[in-house]
Protein backbone atom coordinates (compact mmCIF):
# COMPACT_ATOMS: atom_id res chain seq x y z
CA MET A 1 -15.89 -87.78 68.23
CA LYS A 2 -17.60 -91.13 68.02
CA LYS A 3 -18.87 -92.64 71.26
CA GLN A 4 -17.46 -96.08 72.02
CA THR A 5 -19.85 -98.90 72.65
CA LYS A 6 -19.33 -101.49 75.34
CA LYS A 7 -18.16 -103.94 72.68
CA GLY A 8 -15.50 -101.44 71.56
CA VAL A 9 -14.32 -100.95 75.13
CA ALA A 10 -14.02 -104.70 75.65
CA ALA A 11 -12.09 -105.04 72.40
CA SER A 12 -9.67 -102.30 73.42
CA ARG A 13 -9.20 -103.97 76.82
CA ASP A 14 -8.37 -107.24 75.07
CA GLU A 15 -6.03 -105.41 72.72
CA ARG A 16 -4.29 -103.75 75.68
CA ARG A 17 -3.88 -107.13 77.39
CA MET A 18 -2.38 -108.60 74.22
CA GLN A 19 0.03 -105.64 74.00
CA GLN A 20 1.11 -106.22 77.61
CA VAL A 21 1.62 -109.94 77.03
CA PHE A 22 3.74 -109.49 73.93
CA HIS A 23 5.71 -106.65 75.52
CA ALA A 24 6.45 -108.99 78.45
CA LEU A 25 7.51 -111.75 76.05
CA SER A 26 9.80 -109.41 74.10
CA ALA A 27 12.71 -109.49 76.57
CA PRO A 28 14.99 -112.56 76.71
CA PRO A 29 15.34 -112.48 80.52
CA ARG A 30 11.57 -112.56 80.93
CA ARG A 31 11.27 -115.49 78.54
CA ALA A 32 13.99 -117.26 80.56
CA ILE A 33 12.04 -116.60 83.76
CA LEU A 34 8.94 -118.11 82.14
CA LYS A 35 10.95 -121.22 81.18
CA TYR A 36 12.05 -121.66 84.78
CA LEU A 37 8.52 -121.15 86.06
CA ALA A 38 7.15 -123.66 83.53
CA ALA A 39 9.04 -126.35 85.45
CA SER A 40 7.89 -125.30 88.94
CA SER A 41 6.99 -122.31 91.07
CA LEU A 42 9.98 -120.41 92.47
CA THR A 43 10.61 -117.67 94.99
CA ALA A 44 12.00 -114.33 93.85
CA GLY A 45 15.36 -115.23 95.42
CA GLU A 46 15.52 -118.56 93.59
CA ILE A 47 14.77 -116.81 90.31
CA SER A 48 17.34 -114.06 90.86
CA SER A 49 20.03 -116.61 91.78
CA ARG A 50 19.78 -118.01 88.24
CA PHE A 51 20.67 -114.67 86.64
CA ASP A 52 23.75 -112.50 86.65
CA MET A 53 21.85 -109.28 87.25
CA ALA A 54 20.82 -107.16 90.20
CA LYS A 55 17.83 -108.33 92.25
CA PRO A 56 15.89 -105.09 91.57
CA SER A 57 16.22 -105.79 87.83
CA VAL A 58 14.82 -109.31 88.28
CA SER A 59 12.04 -107.82 90.42
CA GLN A 60 11.20 -105.37 87.64
CA HIS A 61 10.99 -108.23 85.13
CA LEU A 62 8.71 -110.16 87.49
CA THR A 63 6.46 -107.11 87.88
CA ILE A 64 6.13 -106.77 84.11
CA LEU A 65 5.30 -110.48 83.80
CA GLU A 66 2.75 -110.21 86.61
CA THR A 67 1.13 -107.09 85.12
CA ALA A 68 0.73 -108.94 81.83
CA GLY A 69 -0.93 -111.83 83.68
CA LEU A 70 1.78 -114.33 82.70
CA VAL A 71 2.83 -115.10 86.28
CA SER A 72 1.00 -115.16 89.58
CA ARG A 73 2.44 -114.43 92.98
CA ASP A 74 1.58 -116.09 96.25
CA LYS A 75 2.90 -114.72 99.54
CA ARG A 76 3.79 -117.59 101.88
CA GLY A 77 5.23 -116.27 105.12
CA GLN A 78 8.16 -114.03 104.28
CA TYR A 79 8.61 -115.47 100.77
CA VAL A 80 6.80 -114.61 97.56
CA HIS A 81 6.36 -117.60 95.25
CA TYR A 82 5.88 -117.02 91.53
CA ALA A 83 4.14 -119.45 89.17
CA LEU A 84 3.44 -119.50 85.44
CA VAL A 85 -0.17 -118.79 84.39
CA LYS A 86 -0.37 -121.17 81.43
CA GLN A 87 -3.90 -120.07 80.51
CA THR A 88 -2.74 -116.53 79.72
CA VAL A 89 0.11 -117.78 77.54
CA GLU A 90 -2.20 -120.14 75.65
CA THR A 91 -4.89 -117.48 75.21
CA ALA A 92 -2.42 -114.91 73.88
CA LEU A 93 -0.78 -117.30 71.43
CA MET A 94 -4.10 -118.73 70.23
CA GLY A 95 -5.42 -115.16 69.81
CA LEU A 96 -2.40 -114.26 67.72
CA LEU A 97 -2.81 -117.34 65.56
CA ALA A 98 -6.51 -116.55 65.11
CA ASP A 99 -5.68 -112.95 64.10
CA LEU A 100 -3.20 -114.28 61.55
CA GLY A 101 -5.73 -116.80 60.26
CA ALA A 102 -3.33 -119.62 61.09
CA LEU A 103 -5.71 -121.75 63.17
CA PRO A 104 -7.10 -124.92 61.58
CA LEU A 105 -10.83 -124.53 61.04
CA ALA A 106 -13.62 -127.02 61.68
CA ALA A 107 -16.27 -127.72 59.05
CA GLU A 108 -18.49 -124.90 60.39
CA GLY A 109 -15.70 -122.35 59.98
CA THR A 110 -14.89 -122.11 63.69
CA PRO A 111 -11.51 -122.95 65.22
CA LEU A 112 -11.09 -126.56 66.25
CA ALA A 113 -11.54 -127.32 69.92
CA GLU A 114 -8.39 -127.88 71.92
CA GLU A 115 -7.33 -131.38 72.77
CA ASP A 116 -8.33 -132.87 76.08
CA PRO A 117 -5.52 -131.90 78.50
CA SER A 118 -6.29 -134.94 80.65
CA ALA A 119 -5.45 -137.28 77.76
CA PRO A 120 -2.07 -139.01 77.99
CA ALA A 121 0.71 -137.03 76.36
CA ALA A 122 1.85 -140.02 74.29
CA GLY A 123 -1.58 -140.22 72.67
CA ARG A 124 -1.58 -136.64 71.49
CA ALA A 125 0.19 -135.63 68.31
CA ARG A 126 2.61 -132.73 68.41
CA LYS A 127 1.32 -129.71 66.52
CA SER A 128 4.65 -128.02 65.84
CA GLY A 129 8.29 -127.86 66.79
CA ALA A 130 7.49 -125.01 69.20
CA ALA A 131 5.22 -127.30 71.19
CA ALA A 132 8.04 -129.82 71.52
CA GLU A 133 10.36 -127.16 72.93
CA THR A 134 8.05 -126.47 75.87
CA ASP A 135 8.56 -130.03 77.14
CA LEU A 136 12.32 -129.54 77.46
CA PRO A 137 13.75 -128.76 80.89
CA PRO A 138 14.85 -125.13 81.30
CA ALA A 139 18.48 -124.30 80.66
CA GLU A 140 20.76 -124.16 83.68
CA LYS A 141 21.69 -120.54 83.15
CA PRO A 142 21.01 -118.27 80.15
CA ALA A 143 23.97 -117.18 78.07
CA PRO A 144 25.26 -113.66 78.84
CA ALA A 145 23.86 -112.32 75.55
CA GLN A 146 20.38 -113.38 76.68
CA MET A 147 20.57 -111.45 79.94
CA SER A 148 20.53 -107.99 78.38
CA MET A 149 17.52 -105.88 79.30
CA PHE A 150 17.66 -104.10 75.94
């Protein structure tokens, strides 16, 4: 058996992280949770009140999202507040686009640098329809078909 080098171990760690992220994104309830958290941080109770499912099921979804690094938790007194980790979402999606060869390349053959996030939103051009969807407020309550865990 071939011995893995440190570079191979790091690559497999990155691959595992990508697998966790896309597994977490595969379920409609988890994507709905991420939409809610994109607007503001919420407690577990506030998140579960927006779904027609048992609190342990919502807790399981939150654990999967946290394990993938998509949400962070902050214990404040007796409440646990969850927040979206935008950096992980951006890294995963940019990594996927790079793997697919779908990133625009600079003259040197390297991906273009990201736009300055401190620039006014009106001055930046939209890259795709998907980027426009992230600016929309989250839906009040997901449709029953979207709440299935399967």
